[in-house]
């Protein structure tokens, strides 16, 4: 079984992908059901990142380091 990354480690991984131009849309997978946990993060509008890059401010406002 893979060990889950810790909060700051997860943030560093997300930052690396963001710097490569990927839009980051965080969510959590329940290890028992293997399904996405509903409303883990409330990202009300993400469709715009299909057509324009996610800004650093938009990325920072996701507060990925707060995952529990």
C-alpha atoms as a PDB file:
ATOM      1  CA  UNK A   1       0.000   0.000   0.000  1.00  0.00           C
ATOM      2  CA  UNK A   2       1.267   3.466  -0.855  1.00  0.00           C
ATOM      3  CA  UNK A   3       1.855   5.840   2.010  1.00  0.00           C
ATOM      4  CA  UNK A   4      -0.105   9.084   1.780  1.00  0.00           C
ATOM      5  CA  UNK A   5       2.019  12.225   1.425  1.00  0.00           C
ATOM      6  CA  UNK A   6       1.985  14.676   4.295  1.00  0.00           C
ATOM      7  CA  UNK A   7       0.472  18.129   3.894  1.00  0.00           C
ATOM      8  CA  UNK A   8       3.644  20.050   3.022  1.00  0.00           C
ATOM      9  CA  UNK A   9       4.868  17.217   0.824  1.00  0.00           C
ATOM     10  CA  UNK A  10       1.533  17.262  -1.004  1.00  0.00           C
ATOM     11  CA  UNK A  11       1.815  21.036  -1.405  1.00  0.00           C
ATOM     12  CA  UNK A  12       5.315  20.705  -2.913  1.00  0.00           C
ATOM     13  CA  UNK A  13       4.081  18.082  -5.373  1.00  0.00           C
ATOM     14  CA  UNK A  14       1.122  20.270  -6.370  1.00  0.00           C
ATOM     15  CA  UNK A  15       3.440  23.293  -6.772  1.00  0.00           C
ATOM     16  CA  UNK A  16       5.717  21.303  -9.076  1.00  0.00           C
ATOM     17  CA  UNK A  17       2.794  20.353 -11.324  1.00  0.00           C
ATOM     18  CA  UNK A  18       1.452  23.918 -11.235  1.00  0.00           C
ATOM     19  CA  UNK A  19       4.833  25.295 -12.335  1.00  0.00           C
ATOM     20  CA  UNK A  20       4.670  22.937 -15.337  1.00  0.00           C
ATOM     21  CA  UNK A  21       1.393  24.554 -16.372  1.00  0.00           C
ATOM     22  CA  UNK A  22      -1.087  22.053 -14.979  1.00  0.00           C
ATOM     23  CA  UNK A  23      -4.250  23.342 -13.321  1.00  0.00           C
ATOM     24  CA  UNK A  24      -4.519  21.894  -9.827  1.00  0.00           C
ATOM     25  CA  UNK A  25      -7.964  20.800  -8.648  1.00  0.00           C
ATOM     26  CA  UNK A  26      -7.551  19.007  -5.321  1.00  0.00           C
ATOM     27  CA  UNK A  27      -9.764  16.266  -3.931  1.00  0.00           C
ATOM     28  CA  UNK A  28      -9.451  13.380  -1.480  1.00  0.00           C
ATOM     29  CA  UNK A  29      -9.946   9.668  -2.201  1.00  0.00           C
ATOM     30  CA  UNK A  30     -11.414   7.569   0.614  1.00  0.00           C
ATOM     31  CA  UNK A  31      -8.953   4.680   1.100  1.00  0.00           C
ATOM     32  CA  UNK A  32     -11.737   2.230   1.950  1.00  0.00           C
ATOM     33  CA  UNK A  33     -14.183   2.962  -0.845  1.00  0.00           C
ATOM     34  CA  UNK A  34     -11.585   4.197  -3.369  1.00  0.00           C
ATOM     35  CA  UNK A  35     -14.010   6.998  -4.265  1.00  0.00           C
ATOM     36  CA  UNK A  36     -13.740  10.769  -4.177  1.00  0.00           C
ATOM     37  CA  UNK A  37     -14.892  12.290  -0.901  1.00  0.00           C
ATOM     38  CA  UNK A  38     -17.649  14.785  -1.821  1.00  0.00           C
ATOM     39  CA  UNK A  39     -16.970  18.471  -1.263  1.00  0.00           C
ATOM     40  CA  UNK A  40     -13.449  17.968   0.063  1.00  0.00           C
ATOM     41  CA  UNK A  41     -12.511  21.308  -1.441  1.00  0.00           C
ATOM     42  CA  UNK A  42     -15.010  23.741  -2.702  1.00  0.00           C
ATOM     43  CA  UNK A  43     -13.688  24.893  -6.039  1.00  0.00           C
ATOM     44  CA  UNK A  44     -16.792  26.619  -7.378  1.00  0.00           C
ATOM     45  CA  UNK A  45     -15.391  27.464 -10.778  1.00  0.00           C
ATOM     46  CA  UNK A  46     -12.734  25.356 -12.411  1.00  0.00           C
ATOM     47  CA  UNK A  47     -13.885  25.316 -16.037  1.00  0.00           C
ATOM     48  CA  UNK A  48     -11.979  28.504 -16.837  1.00  0.00           C
ATOM     49  CA  UNK A  49      -8.707  26.597 -16.332  1.00  0.00           C
ATOM     50  CA  UNK A  50      -9.531  24.553 -19.407  1.00  0.00           C
ATOM     51  CA  UNK A  51      -9.014  27.696 -21.499  1.00  0.00           C
ATOM     52  CA  UNK A  52      -6.595  29.808 -19.477  1.00  0.00           C
ATOM     53  CA  UNK A  53      -3.746  29.008 -17.117  1.00  0.00           C
ATOM     54  CA  UNK A  54      -4.406  28.849 -13.392  1.00  0.00           C
ATOM     55  CA  UNK A  55      -2.764  31.874 -11.771  1.00  0.00           C
ATOM     56  CA  UNK A  56      -0.478  31.623  -8.772  1.00  0.00           C
ATOM     57  CA  UNK A  57      -3.098  33.432  -6.679  1.00  0.00           C
ATOM     58  CA  UNK A  58      -5.796  30.946  -7.720  1.00  0.00           C
ATOM     59  CA  UNK A  59      -3.461  28.078  -6.826  1.00  0.00           C
ATOM     60  CA  UNK A  60      -2.524  29.632  -3.467  1.00  0.00           C
ATOM     61  CA  UNK A  61      -6.217  30.168  -2.624  1.00  0.00           C
ATOM     62  CA  UNK A  62      -6.813  26.399  -2.782  1.00  0.00           C
ATOM     63  CA  UNK A  63      -4.846  26.002   0.505  1.00  0.00           C
ATOM     64  CA  UNK A  64      -3.716  22.489  -0.341  1.00  0.00           C
ATOM     65  CA  UNK A  65      -1.600  22.377   2.810  1.00  0.00           C
ATOM     66  CA  UNK A  66      -4.789  22.188   4.921  1.00  0.00           C
ATOM     67  CA  UNK A  67      -5.830  18.705   3.760  1.00  0.00           C
ATOM     68  CA  UNK A  68      -6.656  16.434   6.661  1.00  0.00           C
END
